[in-house]
């Protein structure tokens, strides 16, 4: 029987590569938990400055615009804080420096739950290869919380150690748990529409339909409609 996550964590940290990644991956869950009183924080690793098919794009201007869009979307979701690390788009690397920066955020926010991409999910059918930045930020986040953030001798300058209880991975091929986002799906859609720089002229024709269909598909797997699915990893006490 499918397992639904009913408990609302006190503090949540979502870590993703690009502006709009977290809205698409877990925006409904973040909105639901924020409405229920959770303190929700988001880390975006890159500037998103290469997210355009126009070769004449001013990358600095695009990065500034995407930061504004991220803040607007965060307000829709009810996010408490957004931190953009400013790494170059397409160049993320699971380096000690990136892990140190993530450990610093984890130890400052002290989340109960961390959400990030599943770095082991590479191929989705025959039409999509998971972006390298998604894979790298997934590995870096996992390495930052298991075990670095919980052990004081890892990056001692990053602050007092903190043990994350649970990691939820998104973009997984086989979810193990789900969150019912029936009351938060519209907030997810509205947040995605804040990212106008990433939407074509016909976005209103397909985006809402796509997001609703995807959520309904996950809901059928979980016995509710709609839902978001995750792979859960319990770290408490490890």
C-alpha atoms as a PDB file:
ATOM      1  CA  UNK A   1       0.000   0.000   0.000  1.00  0.00           C
ATOM      2  CA  UNK A   2       1.331   3.464  -0.903  1.00  0.00           C
ATOM      3  CA  UNK A   3       2.578   5.514   2.037  1.00  0.00           C
ATOM      4  CA  UNK A   4       1.585   9.147   2.410  1.00  0.00           C
ATOM      5  CA  UNK A   5       3.671  11.584   4.455  1.00  0.00           C
ATOM      6  CA  UNK A   6       1.160  13.206   6.782  1.00  0.00           C
ATOM      7  CA  UNK A   7       3.472  14.842   9.319  1.00  0.00           C
ATOM      8  CA  UNK A   8       4.502  18.440   8.661  1.00  0.00           C
ATOM      9  CA  UNK A   9       8.178  19.065   9.514  1.00  0.00           C
ATOM     10  CA  UNK A  10       9.154  22.131  11.500  1.00  0.00           C
ATOM     11  CA  UNK A  11      11.946  23.179   9.121  1.00  0.00           C
ATOM     12  CA  UNK A  12      12.590  22.166   5.528  1.00  0.00           C
ATOM     13  CA  UNK A  13      15.513  22.858   3.206  1.00  0.00           C
ATOM     14  CA  UNK A  14      15.122  22.311  -0.545  1.00  0.00           C
ATOM     15  CA  UNK A  15      18.391  22.307  -2.510  1.00  0.00           C
ATOM     16  CA  UNK A  16      18.301  22.546  -6.306  1.00  0.00           C
ATOM     17  CA  UNK A  17      20.488  23.548  -9.218  1.00  0.00           C
ATOM     18  CA  UNK A  18      18.464  26.139 -11.136  1.00  0.00           C
ATOM     19  CA  UNK A  19      15.714  28.692 -10.572  1.00  0.00           C
ATOM     20  CA  UNK A  20      12.365  26.894 -11.104  1.00  0.00           C
ATOM     21  CA  UNK A  21      13.756  23.403 -10.360  1.00  0.00           C
ATOM     22  CA  UNK A  22      12.214  23.178  -6.909  1.00  0.00           C
ATOM     23  CA  UNK A  23       8.827  24.505  -7.989  1.00  0.00           C
ATOM     24  CA  UNK A  24       8.564  21.827 -10.655  1.00  0.00           C
ATOM     25  CA  UNK A  25       9.976  19.057  -8.453  1.00  0.00           C
ATOM     26  CA  UNK A  26       8.290  19.664  -5.100  1.00  0.00           C
ATOM     27  CA  UNK A  27       6.479  23.012  -5.216  1.00  0.00           C
ATOM     28  CA  UNK A  28       3.204  21.532  -4.052  1.00  0.00           C
ATOM     29  CA  UNK A  29       4.800  19.903  -1.030  1.00  0.00           C
ATOM     30  CA  UNK A  30       6.659  23.086  -0.072  1.00  0.00           C
ATOM     31  CA  UNK A  31       3.478  25.145  -0.402  1.00  0.00           C
ATOM     32  CA  UNK A  32       1.438  22.651   1.624  1.00  0.00           C
ATOM     33  CA  UNK A  33       3.996  22.514   4.406  1.00  0.00           C
ATOM     34  CA  UNK A  34       4.511  26.296   4.476  1.00  0.00           C
ATOM     35  CA  UNK A  35       0.743  26.823   4.779  1.00  0.00           C
ATOM     36  CA  UNK A  36       0.707  24.317   7.646  1.00  0.00           C
ATOM     37  CA  UNK A  37       3.369  26.287   9.522  1.00  0.00           C
ATOM     38  CA  UNK A  38       6.672  24.805   8.371  1.00  0.00           C
ATOM     39  CA  UNK A  39       9.673  27.072   7.963  1.00  0.00           C
ATOM     40  CA  UNK A  40      10.699  26.439   4.353  1.00  0.00           C
ATOM     41  CA  UNK A  41      14.111  27.424   2.996  1.00  0.00           C
ATOM     42  CA  UNK A  42      15.451  27.062  -0.544  1.00  0.00           C
ATOM     43  CA  UNK A  43      18.977  26.962  -1.936  1.00  0.00           C
ATOM     44  CA  UNK A  44      19.551  27.519  -5.654  1.00  0.00           C
ATOM     45  CA  UNK A  45      23.093  26.644  -6.644  1.00  0.00           C
ATOM     46  CA  UNK A  46      23.480  28.359 -10.023  1.00  0.00           C
ATOM     47  CA  UNK A  47      22.645  31.741 -11.513  1.00  0.00           C
ATOM     48  CA  UNK A  48      20.596  30.155 -14.280  1.00  0.00           C
ATOM     49  CA  UNK A  49      22.250  32.529 -16.725  1.00  0.00           C
ATOM     50  CA  UNK A  50      22.378  30.030 -19.595  1.00  0.00           C
ATOM     51  CA  UNK A  51      18.694  29.165 -19.548  1.00  0.00           C
ATOM     52  CA  UNK A  52      17.908  30.610 -22.969  1.00  0.00           C
ATOM     53  CA  UNK A  53      17.996  29.372 -26.560  1.00  0.00           C
ATOM     54  CA  UNK A  54      18.724  32.898 -27.850  1.00  0.00           C
ATOM     55  CA  UNK A  55      22.485  33.255 -28.523  1.00  0.00           C
ATOM     56  CA  UNK A  56      22.276  37.059 -28.136  1.00  0.00           C
ATOM     57  CA  UNK A  57      21.012  36.821 -24.528  1.00  0.00           C
ATOM     58  CA  UNK A  58      22.769  39.028 -21.965  1.00  0.00           C
ATOM     59  CA  UNK A  59      23.599  36.356 -19.380  1.00  0.00           C
ATOM     60  CA  UNK A  60      24.000  38.783 -16.468  1.00  0.00           C
ATOM     61  CA  UNK A  61      20.632  40.357 -17.210  1.00  0.00           C
ATOM     62  CA  UNK A  62      19.034  36.930 -17.458  1.00  0.00           C
ATOM     63  CA  UNK A  63      20.568  35.880 -14.138  1.00  0.00           C
ATOM     64  CA  UNK A  64      19.162  39.017 -12.476  1.00  0.00           C
ATOM     65  CA  UNK A  65      15.739  38.368 -13.985  1.00  0.00           C
ATOM     66  CA  UNK A  66      15.729  34.762 -12.874  1.00  0.00           C
ATOM     67  CA  UNK A  67      16.630  35.803  -9.328  1.00  0.00           C
ATOM     68  CA  UNK A  68      13.627  38.166  -9.339  1.00  0.00           C
ATOM     69  CA  UNK A  69      11.406  35.386 -10.676  1.00  0.00           C
ATOM     70  CA  UNK A  70      12.653  33.050  -7.957  1.00  0.00           C
ATOM     71  CA  UNK A  71      11.801  35.537  -5.241  1.00  0.00           C
ATOM     72  CA  UNK A  72       8.331  36.081  -6.696  1.00  0.00           C
ATOM     73  CA  UNK A  73       7.724  32.329  -6.884  1.00  0.00           C
ATOM     74  CA  UNK A  74       8.985  31.938  -3.318  1.00  0.00           C
ATOM     75  CA  UNK A  75       6.384  34.423  -2.120  1.00  0.00           C
ATOM     76  CA  UNK A  76       3.665  32.365  -3.828  1.00  0.00           C
ATOM     77  CA  UNK A  77       4.858  29.166  -2.144  1.00  0.00           C
ATOM     78  CA  UNK A  78       5.311  30.815   1.260  1.00  0.00           C
ATOM     79  CA  UNK A  79       9.065  30.243   1.403  1.00  0.00           C
ATOM     80  CA  UNK A  80      10.810  31.746   4.443  1.00  0.00           C
ATOM     81  CA  UNK A  81      14.230  32.191   2.857  1.00  0.00           C
ATOM     82  CA  UNK A  82      16.000  31.793  -0.482  1.00  0.00           C
ATOM     83  CA  UNK A  83      19.766  31.610  -0.926  1.00  0.00           C
ATOM     84  CA  UNK A  84      21.357  31.675  -4.361  1.00  0.00           C
ATOM     85  CA  UNK A  85      24.936  30.418  -4.374  1.00  0.00           C
ATOM     86  CA  UNK A  86      25.763  32.050  -7.720  1.00  0.00           C
ATOM     87  CA  UNK A  87      27.630  29.165  -9.337  1.00  0.00           C
ATOM     88  CA  UNK A  88      27.902  29.161 -13.155  1.00  0.00           C
ATOM     89  CA  UNK A  89      25.049  27.405 -14.916  1.00  0.00           C
ATOM     90  CA  UNK A  90      26.113  24.046 -16.345  1.00  0.00           C
ATOM     91  CA  UNK A  91      29.347  23.909 -14.344  1.00  0.00           C
ATOM     92  CA  UNK A  92      28.321  22.487 -10.976  1.00  0.00           C
ATOM     93  CA  UNK A  93      30.791  20.071  -9.470  1.00  0.00           C
ATOM     94  CA  UNK A  94      30.488  18.041  -6.284  1.00  0.00           C
ATOM     95  CA  UNK A  95      33.574  19.722  -4.890  1.00  0.00           C
ATOM     96  CA  UNK A  96      34.669  20.183  -1.274  1.00  0.00           C
ATOM     97  CA  UNK A  97      33.896  23.896  -1.603  1.00  0.00           C
ATOM     98  CA  UNK A  98      30.317  23.279  -2.745  1.00  0.00           C
ATOM     99  CA  UNK A  99      29.816  20.751   0.048  1.00  0.00           C
ATOM    100  CA  UNK A 100      31.207  23.246   2.561  1.00  0.00           C
ATOM    101  CA  UNK A 101      28.749  25.891   1.373  1.00  0.00           C
ATOM    102  CA  UNK A 102      25.850  23.453   1.645  1.00  0.00           C
ATOM    103  CA  UNK A 103      26.936  22.251   5.085  1.00  0.00           C
ATOM    104  CA  UNK A 104      27.043  25.885   6.204  1.00  0.00           C
ATOM    105  CA  UNK A 105      23.427  26.369   5.129  1.00  0.00           C
ATOM    106  CA  UNK A 106      22.297  23.094   6.693  1.00  0.00           C
ATOM    107  CA  UNK A 107      23.919  23.948  10.004  1.00  0.00           C
ATOM    108  CA  UNK A 108      22.403  27.428   9.982  1.00  0.00           C
ATOM    109  CA  UNK A 109      18.859  26.395   8.990  1.00  0.00           C
ATOM    110  CA  UNK A 110      18.968  23.103  10.947  1.00  0.00           C
ATOM    111  CA  UNK A 111      16.233  21.413   8.909  1.00  0.00           C
ATOM    112  CA  UNK A 112      14.374  18.265   9.854  1.00  0.00           C
ATOM    113  CA  UNK A 113      13.899  17.419   6.167  1.00  0.00           C
ATOM    114  CA  UNK A 114      16.163  18.103   3.198  1.00  0.00           C
ATOM    115  CA  UNK A 115      14.765  17.760  -0.341  1.00  0.00           C
ATOM    116  CA  UNK A 116      17.010  17.460  -3.394  1.00  0.00           C
ATOM    117  CA  UNK A 117      17.212  15.736  -6.798  1.00  0.00           C
ATOM    118  CA  UNK A 118      17.954  12.033  -7.060  1.00  0.00           C
ATOM    119  CA  UNK A 119      21.431  11.974  -8.639  1.00  0.00           C
ATOM    120  CA  UNK A 120      21.105   8.335  -9.671  1.00  0.00           C
ATOM    121  CA  UNK A 121      18.198   9.065 -12.032  1.00  0.00           C
ATOM    122  CA  UNK A 122      19.906   9.740 -15.357  1.00  0.00           C
ATOM    123  CA  UNK A 123      17.693   8.486 -18.191  1.00  0.00           C
ATOM    124  CA  UNK A 124      13.959   9.197 -18.350  1.00  0.00           C
ATOM    125  CA  UNK A 125      12.500   7.067 -21.095  1.00  0.00           C
ATOM    126  CA  UNK A 126      14.057   7.627 -24.510  1.00  0.00           C
ATOM    127  CA  UNK A 127      13.708  11.402 -24.630  1.00  0.00           C
ATOM    128  CA  UNK A 128      15.530  12.987 -21.673  1.00  0.00           C
ATOM    129  CA  UNK A 129      18.936  12.811 -20.022  1.00  0.00           C
ATOM    130  CA  UNK A 130      18.997  14.365 -16.567  1.00  0.00           C
ATOM    131  CA  UNK A 131      20.954  17.633 -16.523  1.00  0.00           C
ATOM    132  CA  UNK A 132      24.467  17.332 -15.103  1.00  0.00           C
ATOM    133  CA  UNK A 133      23.743  20.167 -12.647  1.00  0.00           C
ATOM    134  CA  UNK A 134      20.797  18.196 -11.256  1.00  0.00           C
ATOM    135  CA  UNK A 135      23.011  15.173 -10.730  1.00  0.00           C
ATOM    136  CA  UNK A 136      25.900  17.127  -9.212  1.00  0.00           C
ATOM    137  CA  UNK A 137      23.745  19.101  -6.758  1.00  0.00           C
ATOM    138  CA  UNK A 138      22.025  15.863  -5.771  1.00  0.00           C
ATOM    139  CA  UNK A 139      25.317  14.160  -4.930  1.00  0.00           C
ATOM    140  CA  UNK A 140      26.697  17.268  -3.233  1.00  0.00           C
ATOM    141  CA  UNK A 141      23.605  17.613  -1.050  1.00  0.00           C
ATOM    142  CA  UNK A 142      23.620  13.956  -0.067  1.00  0.00           C
ATOM    143  CA  UNK A 143      27.313  14.161   0.797  1.00  0.00           C
ATOM    144  CA  UNK A 144      26.716  17.369   2.748  1.00  0.00           C
ATOM    145  CA  UNK A 145      24.111  15.737   5.000  1.00  0.00           C
ATOM    146  CA  UNK A 146      25.453  12.177   5.109  1.00  0.00           C
ATOM    147  CA  UNK A 147      27.627  12.537   6.989  1.00  0.00           C
ATOM    148  CA  UNK A 148      29.301  15.966   6.785  1.00  0.00           C
ATOM    149  CA  UNK A 149      26.746  18.263   8.470  1.00  0.00           C
ATOM    150  CA  UNK A 150      26.302  15.845  11.401  1.00  0.00           C
ATOM    151  CA  UNK A 151      29.986  15.483  12.281  1.00  0.00           C
ATOM    152  CA  UNK A 152      31.748  18.503  13.820  1.00  0.00           C
ATOM    153  CA  UNK A 153      35.174  17.739  12.356  1.00  0.00           C
ATOM    154  CA  UNK A 154      33.835  18.151   8.819  1.00  0.00           C
ATOM    155  CA  UNK A 155      34.062  21.870   7.955  1.00  0.00           C
ATOM    156  CA  UNK A 156      34.237  23.056  11.585  1.00  0.00           C
ATOM    157  CA  UNK A 157      34.120  26.654  10.373  1.00  0.00           C
ATOM    158  CA  UNK A 158      30.596  25.993   9.012  1.00  0.00           C
ATOM    159  CA  UNK A 159      28.971  26.048  12.460  1.00  0.00           C
ATOM    160  CA  UNK A 160      27.706  23.543  15.043  1.00  0.00           C
ATOM    161  CA  UNK A 161      26.954  20.064  13.707  1.00  0.00           C
ATOM    162  CA  UNK A 162      23.388  19.194  12.765  1.00  0.00           C
ATOM    163  CA  UNK A 163      21.845  15.790  12.037  1.00  0.00           C
ATOM    164  CA  UNK A 164      19.225  15.875   9.285  1.00  0.00           C
ATOM    165  CA  UNK A 165      16.509  13.339  10.062  1.00  0.00           C
ATOM    166  CA  UNK A 166      15.126  12.708   6.582  1.00  0.00           C
ATOM    167  CA  UNK A 167      16.103  13.267   2.959  1.00  0.00           C
ATOM    168  CA  UNK A 168      13.462  13.245   0.239  1.00  0.00           C
ATOM    169  CA  UNK A 169      14.715  12.734  -3.317  1.00  0.00           C
ATOM    170  CA  UNK A 170      12.780  14.049  -6.301  1.00  0.00           C
ATOM    171  CA  UNK A 171      12.896  13.053  -9.941  1.00  0.00           C
ATOM    172  CA  UNK A 172      12.966   9.422  -8.885  1.00  0.00           C
ATOM    173  CA  UNK A 173      11.975   6.563 -11.135  1.00  0.00           C
ATOM    174  CA  UNK A 174      10.309   4.607  -8.317  1.00  0.00           C
ATOM    175  CA  UNK A 175       8.930   6.760  -5.461  1.00  0.00           C
ATOM    176  CA  UNK A 176       8.545   5.183  -2.036  1.00  0.00           C
ATOM    177  CA  UNK A 177       6.424   7.885  -0.365  1.00  0.00           C
ATOM    178  CA  UNK A 178       4.035  10.600  -1.497  1.00  0.00           C
ATOM    179  CA  UNK A 179       2.625  13.932  -0.287  1.00  0.00           C
ATOM    180  CA  UNK A 180      -0.990  14.831  -1.022  1.00  0.00           C
ATOM    181  CA  UNK A 181      -0.880  18.281  -2.655  1.00  0.00           C
ATOM    182  CA  UNK A 182      -4.599  18.622  -3.328  1.00  0.00           C
ATOM    183  CA  UNK A 183      -4.775  21.955  -1.516  1.00  0.00           C
ATOM    184  CA  UNK A 184      -1.473  23.249  -2.873  1.00  0.00           C
ATOM    185  CA  UNK A 185      -1.430  22.349  -6.552  1.00  0.00           C
ATOM    186  CA  UNK A 186      -2.628  25.767  -7.677  1.00  0.00           C
ATOM    187  CA  UNK A 187       0.154  27.444  -5.677  1.00  0.00           C
ATOM    188  CA  UNK A 188       2.669  25.214  -7.474  1.00  0.00           C
ATOM    189  CA  UNK A 189       1.256  26.203 -10.842  1.00  0.00           C
ATOM    190  CA  UNK A 190       1.172  29.903  -9.953  1.00  0.00           C
ATOM    191  CA  UNK A 191       4.785  29.732  -8.756  1.00  0.00           C
ATOM    192  CA  UNK A 192       5.892  28.124 -12.008  1.00  0.00           C
ATOM    193  CA  UNK A 193       4.204  30.891 -13.974  1.00  0.00           C
ATOM    194  CA  UNK A 194       6.418  33.394 -12.136  1.00  0.00           C
ATOM    195  CA  UNK A 195       9.332  32.070 -14.215  1.00  0.00           C
ATOM    196  CA  UNK A 196       8.288  33.931 -17.359  1.00  0.00           C
ATOM    197  CA  UNK A 197      11.804  33.925 -18.800  1.00  0.00           C
ATOM    198  CA  UNK A 198      11.548  30.155 -19.161  1.00  0.00           C
ATOM    199  CA  UNK A 199       8.083  30.037 -20.691  1.00  0.00           C
ATOM    200  CA  UNK A 200       7.235  30.252 -24.354  1.00  0.00           C
ATOM    201  CA  UNK A 201       4.420  32.323 -25.771  1.00  0.00           C
ATOM    202  CA  UNK A 202       2.098  29.316 -25.632  1.00  0.00           C
ATOM    203  CA  UNK A 203       2.938  28.345 -22.038  1.00  0.00           C
ATOM    204  CA  UNK A 204      -0.601  28.960 -20.807  1.00  0.00           C
ATOM    205  CA  UNK A 205      -1.776  26.377 -23.328  1.00  0.00           C
ATOM    206  CA  UNK A 206       0.286  23.492 -21.994  1.00  0.00           C
ATOM    207  CA  UNK A 207       2.052  24.167 -18.686  1.00  0.00           C
ATOM    208  CA  UNK A 208      -0.916  24.025 -16.344  1.00  0.00           C
ATOM    209  CA  UNK A 209      -2.280  20.973 -18.132  1.00  0.00           C
ATOM    210  CA  UNK A 210       1.111  19.238 -17.920  1.00  0.00           C
ATOM    211  CA  UNK A 211       1.594  19.980 -14.211  1.00  0.00           C
ATOM    212  CA  UNK A 212      -1.930  18.884 -13.308  1.00  0.00           C
ATOM    213  CA  UNK A 213      -1.635  15.680 -15.316  1.00  0.00           C
ATOM    214  CA  UNK A 214       1.701  14.815 -13.746  1.00  0.00           C
ATOM    215  CA  UNK A 215       0.342  15.418 -10.233  1.00  0.00           C
ATOM    216  CA  UNK A 216      -2.759  13.364 -10.965  1.00  0.00           C
ATOM    217  CA  UNK A 217      -0.619  10.501 -12.290  1.00  0.00           C
ATOM    218  CA  UNK A 218       1.387  10.477  -9.051  1.00  0.00           C
ATOM    219  CA  UNK A 219      -1.828  10.737  -7.065  1.00  0.00           C
ATOM    220  CA  UNK A 220      -3.165   7.581  -8.663  1.00  0.00           C
ATOM    221  CA  UNK A 221      -0.033   5.739  -7.553  1.00  0.00           C
ATOM    222  CA  UNK A 222      -0.584   6.988  -4.003  1.00  0.00           C
ATOM    223  CA  UNK A 223      -4.339   6.613  -3.851  1.00  0.00           C
ATOM    224  CA  UNK A 224      -4.980  10.357  -3.691  1.00  0.00           C
ATOM    225  CA  UNK A 225      -5.263  13.099  -6.278  1.00  0.00           C
ATOM    226  CA  UNK A 226      -3.023  14.974  -6.838  1.00  0.00           C
ATOM    227  CA  UNK A 227       0.365  14.144  -5.248  1.00  0.00           C
ATOM    228  CA  UNK A 228       4.145  14.447  -5.455  1.00  0.00           C
ATOM    229  CA  UNK A 229       6.327  11.358  -5.075  1.00  0.00           C
ATOM    230  CA  UNK A 230       9.693  10.980  -3.371  1.00  0.00           C
ATOM    231  CA  UNK A 231      12.306   8.425  -2.413  1.00  0.00           C
ATOM    232  CA  UNK A 232      12.769   8.695   1.349  1.00  0.00           C
ATOM    233  CA  UNK A 233      16.053   8.194   3.183  1.00  0.00           C
ATOM    234  CA  UNK A 234      16.030   8.203   6.985  1.00  0.00           C
ATOM    235  CA  UNK A 235      19.272   9.478   8.484  1.00  0.00           C
ATOM    236  CA  UNK A 236      18.348  10.074  12.119  1.00  0.00           C
ATOM    237  CA  UNK A 237      20.687   8.141  14.364  1.00  0.00           C
ATOM    238  CA  UNK A 238      23.045   7.087  11.556  1.00  0.00           C
END
